[in-house]
Amino acid sequence: MSKKNSKKLRFAVHCVLAFVVSLLLFVLAYSVVLQTTFLNSDYLIESMNASNYFADKKEEVVQDLTDLGYASGVDEKFFEDFITEVKLSDDTNSYLTAYYDGSNTQLDTTSFKRDMLEELQKYAKQNNLGEVNQKNVQYLIDKAAVVYRNSIEIPLFSKAAGGIHKLQNNMPLAIFAVVIVILVISAVIFFTNKWKHRAVKFYFASFAGAFLSVVIFPAFMLITNYISKINIESRALYNTIIYSVNNFFVAVLICSVLYLLLSAVMFFLYGSLRKKASK
């Protein structure tokens, strides 16, 4: 093989390696952001607090329970006092913690039923309702517990549990493996180039390519606000999903900006090293 053909082959190999590094940087950005957001129960709790989830959820639960208690003569004021944002927050936190831990996510409504019975007894005395049919009371409490438990659970979470838990278990190792492969390929590019400015040129190409591939999708989603078109009946859940997904995209954009800065550093470093090599 002639020296000219050898150079062309080496250049082609380095181009392929730089492209592979660019793809791995793309995977790394989304993997790290996913690990710190949707694979973390704390992220959803923070999103719920920031998006006013528990205040909105309280309104929804109170409305559902009021409709349930209407036939029994229990008014909305009772449920407004009985259902609190703190209770919703605590039970939701327990639900999400159990979900991400892979344990039983079904909410134990024993304390809910006990507290509701006590409050109903007080309510009956305060409103001079006289003797109350215990069967009817127990029926109302049981139905209310089901409504409350369903309000705590997040739709589709149970179906996605298997995938979420697999990602949780494998993501840290996958991120570590991607970083190692990036470092190994970068080392190969560096040590197989006699002139180091050429190696830096390939690094520039990798970071620039990673920037472009990472930035396109989140930028499109944020500019068009496309995620807002999803159809979710619960206003509380809708606002939380919009908030958390948008923050996910913002975090990905931050990664893309980091790649852009690194590509700029590589560009100027390439120019500096090339000047030194030409002397």
C-alpha atoms as a PDB file:
ATOM      1  CA  MET A   1       0.000   0.000   0.000  1.00  0.00           C
ATOM      2  CA  SER A   2       1.406   3.403  -1.006  1.00  0.00           C
ATOM      3  CA  LYS A   3       2.095   6.068   1.572  1.00  0.00           C
ATOM      4  CA  LYS A   4      -0.658   8.241   0.075  1.00  0.00           C
ATOM      5  CA  ASN A   5      -3.245   5.461   0.324  1.00  0.00           C
ATOM      6  CA  SER A   6      -2.085   4.711   3.867  1.00  0.00           C
ATOM      7  CA  LYS A   7      -2.735   8.314   4.889  1.00  0.00           C
ATOM      8  CA  LYS A   8      -6.189   8.221   3.299  1.00  0.00           C
ATOM      9  CA  LEU A   9      -7.036   5.006   5.128  1.00  0.00           C
ATOM     10  CA  ARG A  10      -5.778   6.359   8.441  1.00  0.00           C
ATOM     11  CA  PHE A  11      -7.772   9.550   7.920  1.00  0.00           C
ATOM     12  CA  ALA A  12     -10.908   7.545   7.131  1.00  0.00           C
ATOM     13  CA  VAL A  13     -10.433   5.398  10.235  1.00  0.00           C
ATOM     14  CA  HIS A  14     -10.003   8.492  12.397  1.00  0.00           C
ATOM     15  CA  CYS A  15     -13.146  10.011  10.883  1.00  0.00           C
ATOM     16  CA  VAL A  16     -15.087   6.888  11.779  1.00  0.00           C
ATOM     17  CA  LEU A  17     -13.676   6.919  15.310  1.00  0.00           C
ATOM     18  CA  ALA A  18     -14.558  10.602  15.716  1.00  0.00           C
ATOM     19  CA  PHE A  19     -18.098   9.832  14.533  1.00  0.00           C
ATOM     20  CA  VAL A  20     -18.383   6.978  17.038  1.00  0.00           C
ATOM     21  CA  VAL A  21     -17.218   9.294  19.835  1.00  0.00           C
ATOM     22  CA  SER A  22     -19.843  11.828  18.743  1.00  0.00           C
ATOM     23  CA  LEU A  23     -22.568   9.179  18.967  1.00  0.00           C
ATOM     24  CA  LEU A  24     -21.338   8.049  22.374  1.00  0.00           C
ATOM     25  CA  LEU A  25     -21.351  11.648  23.623  1.00  0.00           C
ATOM     26  CA  PHE A  26     -24.970  11.879  22.462  1.00  0.00           C
ATOM     27  CA  VAL A  27     -25.846   8.710  24.394  1.00  0.00           C
ATOM     28  CA  LEU A  28     -23.906   9.951  27.426  1.00  0.00           C
ATOM     29  CA  ALA A  29     -25.778  13.270  27.577  1.00  0.00           C
ATOM     30  CA  TYR A  30     -29.240  11.701  27.503  1.00  0.00           C
ATOM     31  CA  SER A  31     -28.230   8.882  29.851  1.00  0.00           C
ATOM     32  CA  VAL A  32     -26.849  11.214  32.513  1.00  0.00           C
ATOM     33  CA  VAL A  33     -29.872  13.521  32.333  1.00  0.00           C
ATOM     34  CA  LEU A  34     -32.276  10.576  32.463  1.00  0.00           C
ATOM     35  CA  GLN A  35     -30.441   9.143  35.466  1.00  0.00           C
ATOM     36  CA  THR A  36     -30.721  12.419  37.383  1.00  0.00           C
ATOM     37  CA  THR A  37     -34.343  13.117  36.443  1.00  0.00           C
ATOM     38  CA  PHE A  38     -36.963  10.490  35.643  1.00  0.00           C
ATOM     39  CA  LEU A  39     -34.997   7.634  37.185  1.00  0.00           C
ATOM     40  CA  ASN A  40     -34.893   9.554  40.460  1.00  0.00           C
ATOM     41  CA  SER A  41     -37.988   9.715  42.684  1.00  0.00           C
ATOM     42  CA  ASP A  42     -36.800  12.990  44.241  1.00  0.00           C
ATOM     43  CA  TYR A  43     -36.989  14.660  40.833  1.00  0.00           C
ATOM     44  CA  LEU A  44     -40.705  13.920  40.476  1.00  0.00           C
ATOM     45  CA  ILE A  45     -41.450  15.077  44.013  1.00  0.00           C
ATOM     46  CA  GLU A  46     -39.594  18.344  43.361  1.00  0.00           C
ATOM     47  CA  SER A  47     -41.489  18.746  40.085  1.00  0.00           C
ATOM     48  CA  MET A  48     -44.785  18.164  41.869  1.00  0.00           C
ATOM     49  CA  ASN A  49     -43.980  20.795  44.480  1.00  0.00           C
ATOM     50  CA  ALA A  50     -42.856  23.304  41.855  1.00  0.00           C
ATOM     51  CA  SER A  51     -45.905  22.771  39.612  1.00  0.00           C
ATOM     52  CA  ASN A  52     -48.463  23.158  42.427  1.00  0.00           C
ATOM     53  CA  TYR A  53     -49.394  19.498  42.036  1.00  0.00           C
ATOM     54  CA  PHE A  54     -50.709  18.889  45.543  1.00  0.00           C
ATOM     55  CA  ALA A  55     -52.959  21.959  45.611  1.00  0.00           C
ATOM     56  CA  ASP A  56     -54.471  20.971  42.258  1.00  0.00           C
ATOM     57  CA  LYS A  57     -54.696  17.334  43.283  1.00  0.00           C
ATOM     58  CA  LYS A  58     -56.507  18.277  46.480  1.00  0.00           C
ATOM     59  CA  GLU A  59     -59.190  20.079  44.447  1.00  0.00           C
ATOM     60  CA  GLU A  60     -59.633  17.004  42.256  1.00  0.00           C
ATOM     61  CA  VAL A  61     -59.835  14.571  45.186  1.00  0.00           C
ATOM     62  CA  VAL A  62     -62.217  16.796  47.125  1.00  0.00           C
ATOM     63  CA  GLN A  63     -64.485  17.062  44.083  1.00  0.00           C
ATOM     64  CA  ASP A  64     -64.508  13.283  43.565  1.00  0.00           C
ATOM     65  CA  LEU A  65     -65.214  12.635  47.247  1.00  0.00           C
ATOM     66  CA  THR A  66     -67.910  15.328  47.339  1.00  0.00           C
ATOM     67  CA  ASP A  67     -69.694  13.623  44.447  1.00  0.00           C
ATOM     68  CA  LEU A  68     -69.410  10.353  46.350  1.00  0.00           C
ATOM     69  CA  GLY A  69     -70.647  11.778  49.646  1.00  0.00           C
ATOM     70  CA  TYR A  70     -73.502  13.804  48.199  1.00  0.00           C
ATOM     71  CA  ALA A  71     -76.026  10.966  48.579  1.00  0.00           C
ATOM     72  CA  SER A  72     -74.969  10.496  52.196  1.00  0.00           C
ATOM     73  CA  GLY A  73     -75.456  14.158  53.052  1.00  0.00           C
ATOM     74  CA  VAL A  74     -71.749  14.879  53.555  1.00  0.00           C
ATOM     75  CA  ASP A  75     -70.934  18.290  52.103  1.00  0.00           C
ATOM     76  CA  GLU A  76     -67.825  19.587  50.357  1.00  0.00           C
ATOM     77  CA  LYS A  77     -66.583  21.463  53.435  1.00  0.00           C
ATOM     78  CA  PHE A  78     -66.040  18.178  55.268  1.00  0.00           C
ATOM     79  CA  PHE A  79     -63.762  16.797  52.558  1.00  0.00           C
ATOM     80  CA  GLU A  80     -61.927  20.113  52.155  1.00  0.00           C
ATOM     81  CA  ASP A  81     -60.949  19.933  55.819  1.00  0.00           C
ATOM     82  CA  PHE A  82     -60.270  16.207  55.811  1.00  0.00           C
ATOM     83  CA  ILE A  83     -58.022  16.073  52.713  1.00  0.00           C
ATOM     84  CA  THR A  84     -54.867  18.131  53.194  1.00  0.00           C
ATOM     85  CA  GLU A  85     -51.957  18.917  50.891  1.00  0.00           C
ATOM     86  CA  VAL A  86     -49.570  17.588  53.532  1.00  0.00           C
ATOM     87  CA  LYS A  87     -51.319  14.225  53.612  1.00  0.00           C
ATOM     88  CA  LEU A  88     -51.356  14.031  49.830  1.00  0.00           C
ATOM     89  CA  SER A  89     -47.664  14.919  49.726  1.00  0.00           C
ATOM     90  CA  ASP A  90     -46.702  12.316  52.331  1.00  0.00           C
ATOM     91  CA  ASP A  91     -48.709   9.524  50.701  1.00  0.00           C
ATOM     92  CA  THR A  92     -47.466  10.407  47.205  1.00  0.00           C
ATOM     93  CA  ASN A  93     -43.885  10.454  48.465  1.00  0.00           C
ATOM     94  CA  SER A  94     -44.375   6.999  49.988  1.00  0.00           C
ATOM     95  CA  TYR A  95     -45.944   5.750  46.763  1.00  0.00           C
ATOM     96  CA  LEU A  96     -43.070   7.026  44.585  1.00  0.00           C
ATOM     97  CA  THR A  97     -40.414   5.736  46.974  1.00  0.00           C
ATOM     98  CA  ALA A  98     -41.991   2.272  46.925  1.00  0.00           C
ATOM     99  CA  TYR A  99     -42.316   2.423  43.144  1.00  0.00           C
ATOM    100  CA  TYR A 100     -38.653   3.247  42.541  1.00  0.00           C
ATOM    101  CA  ASP A 101     -37.549   0.727  45.166  1.00  0.00           C
ATOM    102  CA  GLY A 102     -39.517  -1.976  43.379  1.00  0.00           C
ATOM    103  CA  SER A 103     -41.669  -2.750  46.422  1.00  0.00           C
ATOM    104  CA  ASN A 104     -45.460  -2.855  46.836  1.00  0.00           C
ATOM    105  CA  THR A 105     -46.921   0.449  45.631  1.00  0.00           C
ATOM    106  CA  GLN A 106     -50.513  -0.134  46.744  1.00  0.00           C
ATOM    107  CA  LEU A 107     -51.335   2.501  49.320  1.00  0.00           C
ATOM    108  CA  ASP A 108     -52.368   1.231  52.752  1.00  0.00           C
ATOM    109  CA  THR A 109     -55.632   3.038  53.455  1.00  0.00           C
ATOM    110  CA  THR A 110     -56.060   1.743  57.028  1.00  0.00           C
ATOM    111  CA  SER A 111     -55.178   5.085  58.622  1.00  0.00           C
ATOM    112  CA  PHE A 112     -57.283   6.919  56.016  1.00  0.00           C
ATOM    113  CA  LYS A 113     -60.359   4.861  56.941  1.00  0.00           C
ATOM    114  CA  ARG A 114     -59.753   5.255  60.672  1.00  0.00           C
ATOM    115  CA  ASP A 115     -59.289   9.018  60.434  1.00  0.00           C
ATOM    116  CA  MET A 116     -62.314   9.411  58.187  1.00  0.00           C
ATOM    117  CA  LEU A 117     -64.505   7.454  60.611  1.00  0.00           C
ATOM    118  CA  GLU A 118     -63.420   9.697  63.481  1.00  0.00           C
ATOM    119  CA  GLU A 119     -64.053  12.849  61.463  1.00  0.00           C
ATOM    120  CA  LEU A 120     -67.451  11.608  60.296  1.00  0.00           C
ATOM    121  CA  GLN A 121     -68.488  10.938  63.891  1.00  0.00           C
ATOM    122  CA  LYS A 122     -67.493  14.496  64.823  1.00  0.00           C
ATOM    123  CA  TYR A 123     -69.287  15.816  61.747  1.00  0.00           C
ATOM    124  CA  ALA A 124     -72.495  13.977  62.689  1.00  0.00           C
ATOM    125  CA  LYS A 125     -72.448  15.415  66.208  1.00  0.00           C
ATOM    126  CA  GLN A 126     -71.695  18.956  65.065  1.00  0.00           C
ATOM    127  CA  ASN A 127     -74.527  18.863  62.542  1.00  0.00           C
ATOM    128  CA  ASN A 128     -77.010  17.053  64.827  1.00  0.00           C
ATOM    129  CA  LEU A 129     -77.495  14.200  62.375  1.00  0.00           C
ATOM    130  CA  GLY A 130     -78.581  11.820  65.126  1.00  0.00           C
ATOM    131  CA  GLU A 131     -77.916   8.110  64.846  1.00  0.00           C
ATOM    132  CA  VAL A 132     -76.137   7.188  61.632  1.00  0.00           C
ATOM    133  CA  ASN A 133     -76.456   3.858  59.842  1.00  0.00           C
ATOM    134  CA  GLN A 134     -73.069   2.201  60.364  1.00  0.00           C
ATOM    135  CA  LYS A 135     -73.337   0.134  57.189  1.00  0.00           C
ATOM    136  CA  ASN A 136     -73.851   3.264  55.114  1.00  0.00           C
ATOM    137  CA  VAL A 137     -70.950   4.966  56.893  1.00  0.00           C
ATOM    138  CA  GLN A 138     -68.640   2.018  56.282  1.00  0.00           C
ATOM    139  CA  TYR A 139     -69.724   1.857  52.645  1.00  0.00           C
ATOM    140  CA  LEU A 140     -68.912   5.562  52.190  1.00  0.00           C
ATOM    141  CA  ILE A 141     -65.529   5.148  53.895  1.00  0.00           C
ATOM    142  CA  ASP A 142     -64.583   2.127  51.780  1.00  0.00           C
ATOM    143  CA  LYS A 143     -65.535   3.887  48.561  1.00  0.00           C
ATOM    144  CA  ALA A 144     -63.722   7.051  49.622  1.00  0.00           C
ATOM    145  CA  ALA A 145     -60.576   5.027  50.385  1.00  0.00           C
ATOM    146  CA  VAL A 146     -60.630   3.578  46.868  1.00  0.00           C
ATOM    147  CA  VAL A 147     -61.038   7.038  45.347  1.00  0.00           C
ATOM    148  CA  TYR A 148     -58.195   8.391  47.466  1.00  0.00           C
ATOM    149  CA  ARG A 149     -55.868   5.476  46.679  1.00  0.00           C
ATOM    150  CA  ASN A 150     -56.539   5.833  42.948  1.00  0.00           C
ATOM    151  CA  SER A 151     -55.800   9.550  43.156  1.00  0.00           C
ATOM    152  CA  ILE A 152     -52.365   8.864  44.673  1.00  0.00           C
ATOM    153  CA  GLU A 153     -51.384   6.319  42.032  1.00  0.00           C
ATOM    154  CA  ILE A 154     -50.019   7.668  38.748  1.00  0.00           C
ATOM    155  CA  PRO A 155     -51.582   6.162  35.584  1.00  0.00           C
ATOM    156  CA  LEU A 156     -49.330   3.970  33.401  1.00  0.00           C
ATOM    157  CA  PHE A 157     -46.645   3.770  36.114  1.00  0.00           C
ATOM    158  CA  SER A 158     -47.504   0.149  36.811  1.00  0.00           C
ATOM    159  CA  LYS A 159     -47.094  -0.761  33.122  1.00  0.00           C
ATOM    160  CA  ALA A 160     -43.746   1.018  32.888  1.00  0.00           C
ATOM    161  CA  ALA A 161     -42.393  -0.424  36.130  1.00  0.00           C
ATOM    162  CA  GLY A 162     -40.379  -3.206  34.489  1.00  0.00           C
ATOM    163  CA  GLY A 163     -38.625  -0.845  32.095  1.00  0.00           C
ATOM    164  CA  ILE A 164     -37.972   1.774  34.767  1.00  0.00           C
ATOM    165  CA  HIS A 165     -36.400  -0.733  37.157  1.00  0.00           C
ATOM    166  CA  LYS A 166     -34.194  -2.210  34.409  1.00  0.00           C
ATOM    167  CA  LEU A 167     -32.976   1.260  33.492  1.00  0.00           C
ATOM    168  CA  GLN A 168     -32.337   2.084  37.148  1.00  0.00           C
ATOM    169  CA  ASN A 169     -30.248  -1.048  37.618  1.00  0.00           C
ATOM    170  CA  ASN A 170     -28.309  -0.819  34.369  1.00  0.00           C
ATOM    171  CA  MET A 171     -27.914   2.908  33.741  1.00  0.00           C
ATOM    172  CA  PRO A 172     -24.941   3.599  36.090  1.00  0.00           C
ATOM    173  CA  LEU A 173     -22.972   0.721  34.564  1.00  0.00           C
ATOM    174  CA  ALA A 174     -23.948   1.812  31.057  1.00  0.00           C
ATOM    175  CA  ILE A 175     -22.790   5.374  31.726  1.00  0.00           C
ATOM    176  CA  PHE A 176     -19.484   4.088  33.111  1.00  0.00           C
ATOM    177  CA  ALA A 177     -18.988   1.842  30.060  1.00  0.00           C
ATOM    178  CA  VAL A 178     -19.720   4.690  27.643  1.00  0.00           C
ATOM    179  CA  VAL A 179     -17.207   6.958  29.392  1.00  0.00           C
ATOM    180  CA  ILE A 180     -14.518   4.251  29.256  1.00  0.00           C
ATOM    181  CA  VAL A 181     -15.102   3.619  25.544  1.00  0.00           C
ATOM    182  CA  ILE A 182     -14.950   7.368  24.813  1.00  0.00           C
ATOM    183  CA  LEU A 183     -11.647   7.649  26.684  1.00  0.00           C
ATOM    184  CA  VAL A 184     -10.172   4.610  24.925  1.00  0.00           C
ATOM    185  CA  ILE A 185     -11.140   5.830  21.440  1.00  0.00           C
ATOM    186  CA  SER A 186      -9.869   9.323  22.268  1.00  0.00           C
ATOM    187  CA  ALA A 187      -6.557   7.824  23.356  1.00  0.00           C
ATOM    188  CA  VAL A 188      -6.330   5.827  20.115  1.00  0.00           C
ATOM    189  CA  ILE A 189      -6.939   8.978  18.064  1.00  0.00           C
ATOM    190  CA  PHE A 190      -4.330  10.873  20.083  1.00  0.00           C
ATOM    191  CA  PHE A 191      -1.531   8.309  19.972  1.00  0.00           C
ATOM    192  CA  THR A 192      -2.026   7.332  16.330  1.00  0.00           C
ATOM    193  CA  ASN A 193      -1.563  10.896  15.119  1.00  0.00           C
ATOM    194  CA  LYS A 194       2.026  12.099  14.871  1.00  0.00           C
ATOM    195  CA  TRP A 195       0.874  15.700  14.739  1.00  0.00           C
ATOM    196  CA  LYS A 196      -1.286  16.341  17.805  1.00  0.00           C
ATOM    197  CA  HIS A 197      -3.196  19.208  16.208  1.00  0.00           C
ATOM    198  CA  ARG A 198      -4.733  16.613  13.889  1.00  0.00           C
ATOM    199  CA  ALA A 199      -5.958  14.607  16.869  1.00  0.00           C
ATOM    200  CA  VAL A 200      -7.421  17.777  18.346  1.00  0.00           C
ATOM    201  CA  LYS A 201      -9.180  18.404  15.027  1.00  0.00           C
ATOM    202  CA  PHE A 202     -10.971  15.082  15.375  1.00  0.00           C
ATOM    203  CA  TYR A 203     -11.897  15.944  18.975  1.00  0.00           C
ATOM    204  CA  PHE A 204     -13.374  19.188  17.682  1.00  0.00           C
ATOM    205  CA  ALA A 205     -15.416  17.255  15.130  1.00  0.00           C
ATOM    206  CA  SER A 206     -16.676  14.864  17.806  1.00  0.00           C
ATOM    207  CA  PHE A 207     -17.807  17.610  20.191  1.00  0.00           C
ATOM    208  CA  ALA A 208     -19.319  19.705  17.386  1.00  0.00           C
ATOM    209  CA  GLY A 209     -21.218  16.690  16.079  1.00  0.00           C
ATOM    210  CA  ALA A 210     -22.381  15.814  19.592  1.00  0.00           C
ATOM    211  CA  PHE A 211     -23.596  19.381  20.111  1.00  0.00           C
ATOM    212  CA  LEU A 212     -25.669  19.321  16.928  1.00  0.00           C
ATOM    213  CA  SER A 213     -27.165  15.892  17.591  1.00  0.00           C
ATOM    214  CA  VAL A 214     -28.015  16.657  21.214  1.00  0.00           C
ATOM    215  CA  VAL A 215     -29.429  20.155  20.763  1.00  0.00           C
ATOM    216  CA  ILE A 216     -31.903  19.545  17.919  1.00  0.00           C
ATOM    217  CA  PHE A 217     -34.650  17.542  19.633  1.00  0.00           C
ATOM    218  CA  PRO A 218     -34.946  19.428  22.969  1.00  0.00           C
ATOM    219  CA  ALA A 219     -34.694  22.790  21.164  1.00  0.00           C
ATOM    220  CA  PHE A 220     -37.527  21.772  18.826  1.00  0.00           C
ATOM    221  CA  MET A 221     -39.698  20.515  21.689  1.00  0.00           C
ATOM    222  CA  LEU A 222     -39.179  23.662  23.786  1.00  0.00           C
ATOM    223  CA  ILE A 223     -39.618  26.127  20.916  1.00  0.00           C
ATOM    224  CA  THR A 224     -42.799  24.486  19.598  1.00  0.00           C
ATOM    225  CA  ASN A 225     -44.063  23.628  23.099  1.00  0.00           C
ATOM    226  CA  TYR A 226     -45.190  20.373  21.514  1.00  0.00           C
ATOM    227  CA  ILE A 227     -45.398  18.508  24.827  1.00  0.00           C
ATOM    228  CA  SER A 228     -48.284  20.777  25.900  1.00  0.00           C
ATOM    229  CA  LYS A 229     -50.497  19.033  23.327  1.00  0.00           C
ATOM    230  CA  ILE A 230     -50.668  15.809  25.346  1.00  0.00           C
ATOM    231  CA  ASN A 231     -54.139  14.913  26.575  1.00  0.00           C
ATOM    232  CA  ILE A 232     -54.300  14.192  30.317  1.00  0.00           C
ATOM    233  CA  GLU A 233     -57.548  14.478  32.252  1.00  0.00           C
ATOM    234  CA  SER A 234     -55.940  15.416  35.576  1.00  0.00           C
ATOM    235  CA  ARG A 235     -54.817  19.049  35.606  1.00  0.00           C
ATOM    236  CA  ALA A 236     -52.444  18.328  38.490  1.00  0.00           C
ATOM    237  CA  LEU A 237     -50.704  15.520  36.612  1.00  0.00           C
ATOM    238  CA  TYR A 238     -50.719  17.472  33.345  1.00  0.00           C
ATOM    239  CA  ASN A 239     -48.919  20.462  34.885  1.00  0.00           C
ATOM    240  CA  THR A 240     -46.375  18.208  36.576  1.00  0.00           C
ATOM    241  CA  ILE A 241     -45.607  16.294  33.388  1.00  0.00           C
ATOM    242  CA  ILE A 242     -45.196  19.513  31.387  1.00  0.00           C
ATOM    243  CA  TYR A 243     -42.911  20.961  34.048  1.00  0.00           C
ATOM    244  CA  SER A 244     -40.775  17.847  34.508  1.00  0.00           C
ATOM    245  CA  VAL A 245     -40.413  17.086  30.773  1.00  0.00           C
ATOM    246  CA  ASN A 246     -39.495  20.690  29.969  1.00  0.00           C
ATOM    247  CA  ASN A 247     -36.884  20.649  32.715  1.00  0.00           C
ATOM    248  CA  PHE A 248     -35.547  17.412  31.255  1.00  0.00           C
ATOM    249  CA  PHE A 249     -35.127  19.123  27.892  1.00  0.00           C
ATOM    250  CA  VAL A 250     -33.465  22.130  29.534  1.00  0.00           C
ATOM    251  CA  ALA A 251     -30.960  19.817  31.224  1.00  0.00           C
ATOM    252  CA  VAL A 252     -30.204  18.185  27.860  1.00  0.00           C
ATOM    253  CA  LEU A 253     -29.691  21.641  26.346  1.00  0.00           C
ATOM    254  CA  ILE A 254     -27.199  22.427  29.114  1.00  0.00           C
ATOM    255  CA  CYS A 255     -25.270  19.303  28.093  1.00  0.00           C
ATOM    256  CA  SER A 256     -25.309  20.467  24.482  1.00  0.00           C
ATOM    257  CA  VAL A 257     -23.953  23.867  25.520  1.00  0.00           C
ATOM    258  CA  LEU A 258     -21.159  22.087  27.368  1.00  0.00           C
ATOM    259  CA  TYR A 259     -20.312  20.198  24.179  1.00  0.00           C
ATOM    260  CA  LEU A 260     -20.374  23.474  22.255  1.00  0.00           C
ATOM    261  CA  LEU A 261     -17.914  25.043  24.705  1.00  0.00           C
ATOM    262  CA  LEU A 262     -15.626  22.021  24.499  1.00  0.00           C
ATOM    263  CA  SER A 263     -15.737  22.118  20.703  1.00  0.00           C
ATOM    264  CA  ALA A 264     -14.780  25.814  20.832  1.00  0.00           C
ATOM    265  CA  VAL A 265     -11.859  24.968  23.116  1.00  0.00           C
ATOM    266  CA  MET A 266     -10.749  22.236  20.712  1.00  0.00           C
ATOM    267  CA  PHE A 267     -11.037  24.656  17.776  1.00  0.00           C
ATOM    268  CA  PHE A 268      -8.758  27.256  19.350  1.00  0.00           C
ATOM    269  CA  LEU A 269      -6.397  24.588  20.620  1.00  0.00           C
ATOM    270  CA  TYR A 270      -6.208  23.159  17.113  1.00  0.00           C
ATOM    271  CA  GLY A 271      -5.267  26.560  15.704  1.00  0.00           C
ATOM    272  CA  SER A 272      -2.611  27.066  18.360  1.00  0.00           C
ATOM    273  CA  LEU A 273      -1.024  23.633  17.901  1.00  0.00           C
ATOM    274  CA  ARG A 274      -1.119  23.932  14.120  1.00  0.00           C
ATOM    275  CA  LYS A 275       0.801  27.210  14.264  1.00  0.00           C
ATOM    276  CA  LYS A 276       3.446  25.600  16.462  1.00  0.00           C
ATOM    277  CA  ALA A 277       3.701  22.594  14.114  1.00  0.00           C
ATOM    278  CA  SER A 278       4.180  24.807  11.066  1.00  0.00           C
ATOM    279  CA  LYS A 279       7.167  26.605  12.567  1.00  0.00           C
END
